[in-house]
Amino acid sequence: MAVLALIIWRRLFVYRILQRTASEVKPAQPPARPALVAKVVAKDVPVYLDEIGTCAAYETVQVQAQVSGQIIARHFRTAPT
């Protein structure tokens, strides 16, 4: 029984020593980095829309003649956009 108490006491003793040395060693903090600042100014700015992609119509129509021959003229107007 005394041997078991001695083992437990030694483990607690070693644990306390390791805990104390771990708390003494603090991680070094990196140096402070400089930051740029500027005054806030309220003003109107233009809106730019620079997009990458393709443009396609959402509706298309094919006009085909119902008789053989060439289409010489069209007698309709497209709707304004």
PDB file of N, CA and C in Angstrom:
ATOM      1  N   MET A   1       0.818  -1.187   0.000  1.00  0.00           N
ATOM      2  CA  MET A   1       0.000   0.000   0.000  1.00  0.00           C
ATOM      3  C   MET A   1       0.866   1.257   0.000  1.00  0.00           C
ATOM      4  N   ALA A   2       1.961   1.211   0.726  1.00  0.00           N
ATOM      5  CA  ALA A   2       2.854   2.358   0.790  1.00  0.00           C
ATOM      6  C   ALA A   2       3.532   2.578  -0.557  1.00  0.00           C
ATOM      7  N   VAL A   3       3.797   1.505  -1.272  1.00  0.00           N
ATOM      8  CA  VAL A   3       4.427   1.620  -2.582  1.00  0.00           C
ATOM      9  C   VAL A   3       3.467   2.304  -3.552  1.00  0.00           C
ATOM     10  N   LEU A   4       2.194   1.969  -3.506  1.00  0.00           N
ATOM     11  CA  LEU A   4       1.187   2.583  -4.363  1.00  0.00           C
ATOM     12  C   LEU A   4       1.048   4.068  -4.038  1.00  0.00           C
ATOM     13  N   ALA A   5       1.057   4.426  -2.774  1.00  0.00           N
ATOM     14  CA  ALA A   5       0.969   5.831  -2.373  1.00  0.00           C
ATOM     15  C   ALA A   5       2.203   6.595  -2.838  1.00  0.00           C
ATOM     16  N   LEU A   6       3.375   5.975  -2.766  1.00  0.00           N
ATOM     17  CA  LEU A   6       4.605   6.613  -3.224  1.00  0.00           C
ATOM     18  C   LEU A   6       4.563   6.846  -4.733  1.00  0.00           C
ATOM     19  N   ILE A   7       4.058   5.896  -5.504  1.00  0.00           N
ATOM     20  CA  ILE A   7       3.956   6.043  -6.963  1.00  0.00           C
ATOM     21  C   ILE A   7       2.992   7.180  -7.310  1.00  0.00           C
ATOM     22  N   ILE A   8       1.865   7.226  -6.640  1.00  0.00           N
ATOM     23  CA  ILE A   8       0.894   8.293  -6.898  1.00  0.00           C
ATOM     24  C   ILE A   8       1.493   9.643  -6.523  1.00  0.00           C
ATOM     25  N   TRP A   9       2.168   9.718  -5.379  1.00  0.00           N
ATOM     26  CA  TRP A   9       2.773  10.986  -4.944  1.00  0.00           C
ATOM     27  C   TRP A   9       3.821  11.457  -5.956  1.00  0.00           C
ATOM     28  N   ARG A  10       4.670  10.535  -6.465  1.00  0.00           N
ATOM     29  CA  ARG A  10       5.690  10.912  -7.449  1.00  0.00           C
ATOM     30  C   ARG A  10       5.049  11.411  -8.739  1.00  0.00           C
ATOM     31  N   ARG A  11       3.986  10.744  -9.183  1.00  0.00           N
ATOM     32  CA  ARG A  11       3.324  11.181 -10.417  1.00  0.00           C
ATOM     33  C   ARG A  11       2.721  12.573 -10.247  1.00  0.00           C
ATOM     34  N   LEU A  12       2.118  12.828  -9.111  1.00  0.00           N
ATOM     35  CA  LEU A  12       1.571  14.163  -8.859  1.00  0.00           C
ATOM     36  C   LEU A  12       2.679  15.203  -8.801  1.00  0.00           C
ATOM     37  N   PHE A  13       3.806  14.857  -8.194  1.00  0.00           N
ATOM     38  CA  PHE A  13       4.936  15.758  -8.081  1.00  0.00           C
ATOM     39  C   PHE A  13       5.499  16.103  -9.471  1.00  0.00           C
ATOM     40  N   VAL A  14       5.691  15.085 -10.315  1.00  0.00           N
ATOM     41  CA  VAL A  14       6.212  15.303 -11.664  1.00  0.00           C
ATOM     42  C   VAL A  14       5.203  16.092 -12.494  1.00  0.00           C
ATOM     43  N   TYR A  15       3.931  15.796 -12.327  1.00  0.00           N
ATOM     44  CA  TYR A  15       2.887  16.518 -13.057  1.00  0.00           C
ATOM     45  C   TYR A  15       2.903  17.998 -12.697  1.00  0.00           C
ATOM     46  N   ARG A  16       3.025  18.331 -11.428  1.00  0.00           N
ATOM     47  CA  ARG A  16       3.061  19.733 -10.988  1.00  0.00           C
ATOM     48  C   ARG A  16       4.284  20.456 -11.536  1.00  0.00           C
ATOM     49  N   ILE A  17       5.444  19.770 -11.548  1.00  0.00           N
ATOM     50  CA  ILE A  17       6.658  20.392 -12.086  1.00  0.00           C
ATOM     51  C   ILE A  17       6.488  20.661 -13.578  1.00  0.00           C
ATOM     52  N   LEU A  18       5.965  19.702 -14.320  1.00  0.00           N
ATOM     53  CA  LEU A  18       5.760  19.897 -15.759  1.00  0.00           C
ATOM     54  C   LEU A  18       4.714  20.977 -16.030  1.00  0.00           C
ATOM     55  N   GLN A  19       3.700  21.034 -15.200  1.00  0.00           N
ATOM     56  CA  GLN A  19       2.660  22.050 -15.376  1.00  0.00           C
ATOM     57  C   GLN A  19       3.221  23.442 -15.125  1.00  0.00           C
ATOM     58  N   ARG A  20       4.067  23.582 -14.125  1.00  0.00           N
ATOM     59  CA  ARG A  20       4.655  24.880 -13.798  1.00  0.00           C
ATOM     60  C   ARG A  20       5.601  25.338 -14.910  1.00  0.00           C
ATOM     61  N   THR A  21       6.434  24.439 -15.439  1.00  0.00           N
ATOM     62  CA  THR A  21       7.365  24.833 -16.499  1.00  0.00           C
ATOM     63  C   THR A  21       6.621  25.137 -17.794  1.00  0.00           C
ATOM     64  N   ALA A  22       5.513  24.459 -18.044  1.00  0.00           N
ATOM     65  CA  ALA A  22       4.741  24.735 -19.255  1.00  0.00           C
ATOM     66  C   ALA A  22       4.082  26.105 -19.174  1.00  0.00           C
ATOM     67  N   SER A  23       3.665  26.516 -17.984  1.00  0.00           N
ATOM     68  CA  SER A  23       3.027  27.831 -17.855  1.00  0.00           C
ATOM     69  C   SER A  23       4.063  28.950 -17.902  1.00  0.00           C
ATOM     70  N   GLU A  24       5.311  28.657 -17.529  1.00  0.00           N
ATOM     71  CA  GLU A  24       6.353  29.678 -17.575  1.00  0.00           C
ATOM     72  C   GLU A  24       6.804  29.951 -19.005  1.00  0.00           C
ATOM     73  N   VAL A  25       6.767  28.939 -19.866  1.00  0.00           N
ATOM     74  CA  VAL A  25       7.182  29.097 -21.256  1.00  0.00           C
ATOM     75  C   VAL A  25       5.977  29.598 -22.048  1.00  0.00           C
ATOM     76  N   LYS A  26       5.980  30.879 -22.370  1.00  0.00           N
ATOM     77  CA  LYS A  26       4.883  31.469 -23.131  1.00  0.00           C
ATOM     78  C   LYS A  26       5.329  31.612 -24.584  1.00  0.00           C
ATOM     79  N   PRO A  27       4.427  31.371 -25.499  1.00  0.00           N
ATOM     80  CA  PRO A  27       4.808  31.517 -26.907  1.00  0.00           C
ATOM     81  C   PRO A  27       5.108  32.982 -27.233  1.00  0.00           C
ATOM     82  N   ALA A  28       6.143  33.179 -28.034  1.00  0.00           N
ATOM     83  CA  ALA A  28       6.528  34.538 -28.404  1.00  0.00           C
ATOM     84  C   ALA A  28       5.511  35.103 -29.388  1.00  0.00           C
ATOM     85  N   GLN A  29       5.078  36.331 -29.150  1.00  0.00           N
ATOM     86  CA  GLN A  29       4.126  36.971 -30.041  1.00  0.00           C
ATOM     87  C   GLN A  29       4.868  37.633 -31.186  1.00  0.00           C
ATOM     88  N   PRO A  30       4.308  37.575 -32.375  1.00  0.00           N
ATOM     89  CA  PRO A  30       4.971  38.238 -33.497  1.00  0.00           C
ATOM     90  C   PRO A  30       4.942  39.756 -33.303  1.00  0.00           C
ATOM     91  N   PRO A  31       5.890  40.465 -33.878  1.00  0.00           N
ATOM     92  CA  PRO A  31       5.900  41.924 -33.718  1.00  0.00           C
ATOM     93  C   PRO A  31       4.676  42.546 -34.388  1.00  0.00           C
ATOM     94  N   ALA A  32       4.291  43.712 -33.891  1.00  0.00           N
ATOM     95  CA  ALA A  32       3.124  44.396 -34.433  1.00  0.00           C
ATOM     96  C   ALA A  32       3.400  44.849 -35.864  1.00  0.00           C
ATOM     97  N   ARG A  33       2.407  44.676 -36.723  1.00  0.00           N
ATOM     98  CA  ARG A  33       2.564  45.068 -38.121  1.00  0.00           C
ATOM     99  C   ARG A  33       1.971  46.456 -38.317  1.00  0.00           C
ATOM    100  N   PRO A  34       2.620  47.288 -39.122  1.00  0.00           N
ATOM    101  CA  PRO A  34       2.084  48.628 -39.360  1.00  0.00           C
ATOM    102  C   PRO A  34       0.808  48.558 -40.205  1.00  0.00           C
ATOM    103  N   ALA A  35      -0.111  49.482 -39.957  1.00  0.00           N
ATOM    104  CA  ALA A  35      -1.357  49.539 -40.704  1.00  0.00           C
ATOM    105  C   ALA A  35      -1.525  50.934 -41.286  1.00  0.00           C
ATOM    106  N   LEU A  36      -2.008  50.988 -42.516  1.00  0.00           N
ATOM    107  CA  LEU A  36      -2.255  52.260 -43.175  1.00  0.00           C
ATOM    108  C   LEU A  36      -3.676  52.721 -42.862  1.00  0.00           C
ATOM    109  N   VAL A  37      -3.848  54.008 -42.634  1.00  0.00           N
ATOM    110  CA  VAL A  37      -5.173  54.555 -42.343  1.00  0.00           C
ATOM    111  C   VAL A  37      -5.437  55.733 -43.271  1.00  0.00           C
ATOM    112  N   ALA A  38      -6.706  56.046 -43.444  1.00  0.00           N
ATOM    113  CA  ALA A  38      -7.101  57.182 -44.278  1.00  0.00           C
ATOM    114  C   ALA A  38      -8.413  57.729 -43.743  1.00  0.00           C
ATOM    115  N   LYS A  39      -8.688  59.002 -44.028  1.00  0.00           N
ATOM    116  CA  LYS A  39      -9.949  59.607 -43.612  1.00  0.00           C
ATOM    117  C   LYS A  39     -11.067  59.130 -44.516  1.00  0.00           C
ATOM    118  N   VAL A  40     -12.241  59.005 -43.956  1.00  0.00           N
ATOM    119  CA  VAL A  40     -13.413  58.597 -44.715  1.00  0.00           C
ATOM    120  C   VAL A  40     -13.996  59.813 -45.416  1.00  0.00           C
ATOM    121  N   VAL A  41     -14.283  59.653 -46.717  1.00  0.00           N
ATOM    122  CA  VAL A  41     -14.841  60.748 -47.518  1.00  0.00           C
ATOM    123  C   VAL A  41     -16.091  60.223 -48.216  1.00  0.00           C
ATOM    124  N   ALA A  42     -17.189  60.960 -48.108  1.00  0.00           N
ATOM    125  CA  ALA A  42     -18.426  60.580 -48.791  1.00  0.00           C
ATOM    126  C   ALA A  42     -18.502  61.342 -50.112  1.00  0.00           C
ATOM    127  N   LYS A  43     -18.639  60.607 -51.220  1.00  0.00           N
ATOM    128  CA  LYS A  43     -18.764  61.234 -52.531  1.00  0.00           C
ATOM    129  C   LYS A  43     -19.407  60.253 -53.500  1.00  0.00           C
ATOM    130  N   ASP A  44     -19.895  60.778 -54.630  1.00  0.00           N
ATOM    131  CA  ASP A  44     -20.495  59.938 -55.662  1.00  0.00           C
ATOM    132  C   ASP A  44     -19.384  59.309 -56.494  1.00  0.00           C
ATOM    133  N   VAL A  45     -19.573  58.063 -56.819  1.00  0.00           N
ATOM    134  CA  VAL A  45     -18.612  57.368 -57.666  1.00  0.00           C
ATOM    135  C   VAL A  45     -19.368  56.730 -58.822  1.00  0.00           C
ATOM    136  N   PRO A  46     -18.757  56.641 -59.990  1.00  0.00           N
ATOM    137  CA  PRO A  46     -19.437  56.008 -61.122  1.00  0.00           C
ATOM    138  C   PRO A  46     -19.502  54.492 -60.939  1.00  0.00           C
ATOM    139  N   VAL A  47     -20.509  53.898 -61.548  1.00  0.00           N
ATOM    140  CA  VAL A  47     -20.681  52.453 -61.476  1.00  0.00           C
ATOM    141  C   VAL A  47     -20.118  51.842 -62.751  1.00  0.00           C
ATOM    142  N   TYR A  48     -19.147  50.968 -62.612  1.00  0.00           N
ATOM    143  CA  TYR A  48     -18.545  50.279 -63.747  1.00  0.00           C
ATOM    144  C   TYR A  48     -18.983  48.825 -63.716  1.00  0.00           C
ATOM    145  N   LEU A  49     -19.406  48.334 -64.855  1.00  0.00           N
ATOM    146  CA  LEU A  49     -19.777  46.928 -64.977  1.00  0.00           C
ATOM    147  C   LEU A  49     -18.832  46.272 -65.983  1.00  0.00           C
ATOM    148  N   ASP A  50     -17.795  45.679 -65.494  1.00  0.00           N
ATOM    149  CA  ASP A  50     -16.856  44.945 -66.329  1.00  0.00           C
ATOM    150  C   ASP A  50     -17.114  43.463 -66.109  1.00  0.00           C
ATOM    151  N   GLU A  51     -17.665  42.828 -67.108  1.00  0.00           N
ATOM    152  CA  GLU A  51     -18.041  41.424 -66.986  1.00  0.00           C
ATOM    153  C   GLU A  51     -17.284  40.591 -68.006  1.00  0.00           C
ATOM    154  N   ILE A  52     -17.075  39.366 -67.679  1.00  0.00           N
ATOM    155  CA  ILE A  52     -16.478  38.412 -68.603  1.00  0.00           C
ATOM    156  C   ILE A  52     -17.554  37.371 -68.899  1.00  0.00           C
ATOM    157  N   GLY A  53     -17.803  37.145 -70.172  1.00  0.00           N
ATOM    158  CA  GLY A  53     -18.816  36.147 -70.518  1.00  0.00           C
ATOM    159  C   GLY A  53     -19.337  36.388 -71.916  1.00  0.00           C
ATOM    160  N   THR A  54     -20.448  35.757 -72.206  1.00  0.00           N
ATOM    161  CA  THR A  54     -21.065  35.897 -73.517  1.00  0.00           C
ATOM    162  C   THR A  54     -22.448  36.491 -73.361  1.00  0.00           C
ATOM    163  N   CYS A  55     -22.939  37.073 -74.430  1.00  0.00           N
ATOM    164  CA  CYS A  55     -24.260  37.672 -74.435  1.00  0.00           C
ATOM    165  C   CYS A  55     -25.090  36.923 -75.470  1.00  0.00           C
ATOM    166  N   ALA A  56     -26.283  36.524 -75.102  1.00  0.00           N
ATOM    167  CA  ALA A  56     -27.154  35.801 -76.023  1.00  0.00           C
ATOM    168  C   ALA A  56     -28.577  36.308 -75.845  1.00  0.00           C
ATOM    169  N   ALA A  57     -29.333  36.326 -76.952  1.00  0.00           N
ATOM    170  CA  ALA A  57     -30.729  36.745 -76.896  1.00  0.00           C
ATOM    171  C   ALA A  57     -31.545  35.693 -76.170  1.00  0.00           C
ATOM    172  N   TYR A  58     -32.558  36.124 -75.427  1.00  0.00           N
ATOM    173  CA  TYR A  58     -33.380  35.152 -74.727  1.00  0.00           C
ATOM    174  C   TYR A  58     -34.505  34.634 -75.604  1.00  0.00           C
ATOM    175  N   GLU A  59     -34.747  35.272 -76.760  1.00  0.00           N
ATOM    176  CA  GLU A  59     -35.711  34.765 -77.736  1.00  0.00           C
ATOM    177  C   GLU A  59     -35.138  34.952 -79.135  1.00  0.00           C
ATOM    178  N   THR A  60     -35.286  33.950 -79.970  1.00  0.00           N
ATOM    179  CA  THR A  60     -34.867  34.057 -81.368  1.00  0.00           C
ATOM    180  C   THR A  60     -35.990  33.536 -82.253  1.00  0.00           C
ATOM    181  N   VAL A  61     -36.046  34.043 -83.469  1.00  0.00           N
ATOM    182  CA  VAL A  61     -37.084  33.646 -84.417  1.00  0.00           C
ATOM    183  C   VAL A  61     -36.430  33.392 -85.763  1.00  0.00           C
ATOM    184  N   GLN A  62     -36.823  32.331 -86.408  1.00  0.00           N
ATOM    185  CA  GLN A  62     -36.368  32.070 -87.765  1.00  0.00           C
ATOM    186  C   GLN A  62     -37.534  32.340 -88.709  1.00  0.00           C
ATOM    187  N   VAL A  63     -37.269  33.093 -89.752  1.00  0.00           N
ATOM    188  CA  VAL A  63     -38.291  33.391 -90.748  1.00  0.00           C
ATOM    189  C   VAL A  63     -37.992  32.549 -91.977  1.00  0.00           C
ATOM    190  N   GLN A  64     -38.938  31.698 -92.329  1.00  0.00           N
ATOM    191  CA  GLN A  64     -38.768  30.845 -93.506  1.00  0.00           C
ATOM    192  C   GLN A  64     -39.943  31.088 -94.460  1.00  0.00           C
ATOM    193  N   ALA A  65     -39.613  31.085 -95.704  1.00  0.00           N
ATOM    194  CA  ALA A  65     -40.663  31.249 -96.714  1.00  0.00           C
ATOM    195  C   ALA A  65     -41.485  29.978 -96.809  1.00  0.00           C
ATOM    196  N   GLN A  66     -42.794  30.131 -97.035  1.00  0.00           N
ATOM    197  CA  GLN A  66     -43.647  28.955 -97.175  1.00  0.00           C
ATOM    198  C   GLN A  66     -43.719  28.484 -98.626  1.00  0.00           C
ATOM    199  N   VAL A  67     -43.124  29.248 -99.493  1.00  0.00           N
ATOM    200  CA  VAL A  67     -43.052  28.849-100.897  1.00  0.00           C
ATOM    201  C   VAL A  67     -41.598  28.863-101.314  1.00  0.00           C
ATOM    202  N   SER A  68     -41.304  28.218-102.405  1.00  0.00           N
ATOM    203  CA  SER A  68     -39.923  28.211-102.865  1.00  0.00           C
ATOM    204  C   SER A  68     -39.581  29.557-103.491  1.00  0.00           C
ATOM    205  N   GLY A  69     -38.330  29.941-103.407  1.00  0.00           N
ATOM    206  CA  GLY A  69     -37.885  31.203-103.967  1.00  0.00           C
ATOM    207  C   GLY A  69     -37.077  31.976-102.940  1.00  0.00           C
ATOM    208  N   GLN A  70     -36.759  33.194-103.277  1.00  0.00           N
ATOM    209  CA  GLN A  70     -35.959  34.034-102.396  1.00  0.00           C
ATOM    210  C   GLN A  70     -36.859  35.046-101.696  1.00  0.00           C
ATOM    211  N   ILE A  71     -36.472  35.395-100.442  1.00  0.00           N
ATOM    212  CA  ILE A  71     -37.165  36.464 -99.716  1.00  0.00           C
ATOM    213  C   ILE A  71     -36.542  37.775-100.177  1.00  0.00           C
ATOM    214  N   ILE A  72     -37.367  38.627-100.752  1.00  0.00           N
ATOM    215  CA  ILE A  72     -36.873  39.887-101.288  1.00  0.00           C
ATOM    216  C   ILE A  72     -37.011  41.000-100.260  1.00  0.00           C
ATOM    217  N   ALA A  73     -38.071  40.989 -99.472  1.00  0.00           N
ATOM    218  CA  ALA A  73     -38.292  42.043 -98.489  1.00  0.00           C
ATOM    219  C   ALA A  73     -39.035  41.462 -97.287  1.00  0.00           C
ATOM    220  N   ARG A  74     -38.958  42.144 -96.195  1.00  0.00           N
ATOM    221  CA  ARG A  74     -39.731  41.751 -95.017  1.00  0.00           C
ATOM    222  C   ARG A  74     -40.662  42.908 -94.675  1.00  0.00           C
ATOM    223  N   HIS A  75     -41.858  42.582 -94.332  1.00  0.00           N
ATOM    224  CA  HIS A  75     -42.865  43.598 -94.075  1.00  0.00           C
ATOM    225  C   HIS A  75     -43.287  43.573 -92.599  1.00  0.00           C
ATOM    226  N   PHE A  76     -42.315  43.569 -91.703  1.00  0.00           N
ATOM    227  CA  PHE A  76     -42.573  43.674 -90.268  1.00  0.00           C
ATOM    228  C   PHE A  76     -41.422  44.430 -89.635  1.00  0.00           C
ATOM    229  N   ARG A  77     -41.683  44.958 -88.443  1.00  0.00           N
ATOM    230  CA  ARG A  77     -40.643  45.710 -87.718  1.00  0.00           C
ATOM    231  C   ARG A  77     -40.342  44.981 -86.419  1.00  0.00           C
ATOM    232  N   THR A  78     -39.103  45.049 -86.016  1.00  0.00           N
ATOM    233  CA  THR A  78     -38.720  44.454 -84.732  1.00  0.00           C
ATOM    234  C   THR A  78     -39.102  45.391 -83.609  1.00  0.00           C
ATOM    235  N   ALA A  79     -39.383  44.849 -82.468  1.00  0.00           N
ATOM    236  CA  ALA A  79     -39.780  45.652 -81.313  1.00  0.00           C
ATOM    237  C   ALA A  79     -38.554  46.390 -80.781  1.00  0.00           C
ATOM    238  N   PRO A  80     -38.731  47.659 -80.356  1.00  0.00           N
ATOM    239  CA  PRO A  80     -37.583  48.384 -79.791  1.00  0.00           C
ATOM    240  C   PRO A  80     -37.175  47.785 -78.458  1.00  0.00           C
ATOM    241  N   THR A  81     -35.902  47.892 -78.153  1.00  0.00           N
ATOM    242  CA  THR A  81     -35.396  47.317 -76.892  1.00  0.00           C
ATOM    243  C   THR A  81     -35.372  48.338 -75.805  1.00  0.00           C
TER     244      THR A  81
END
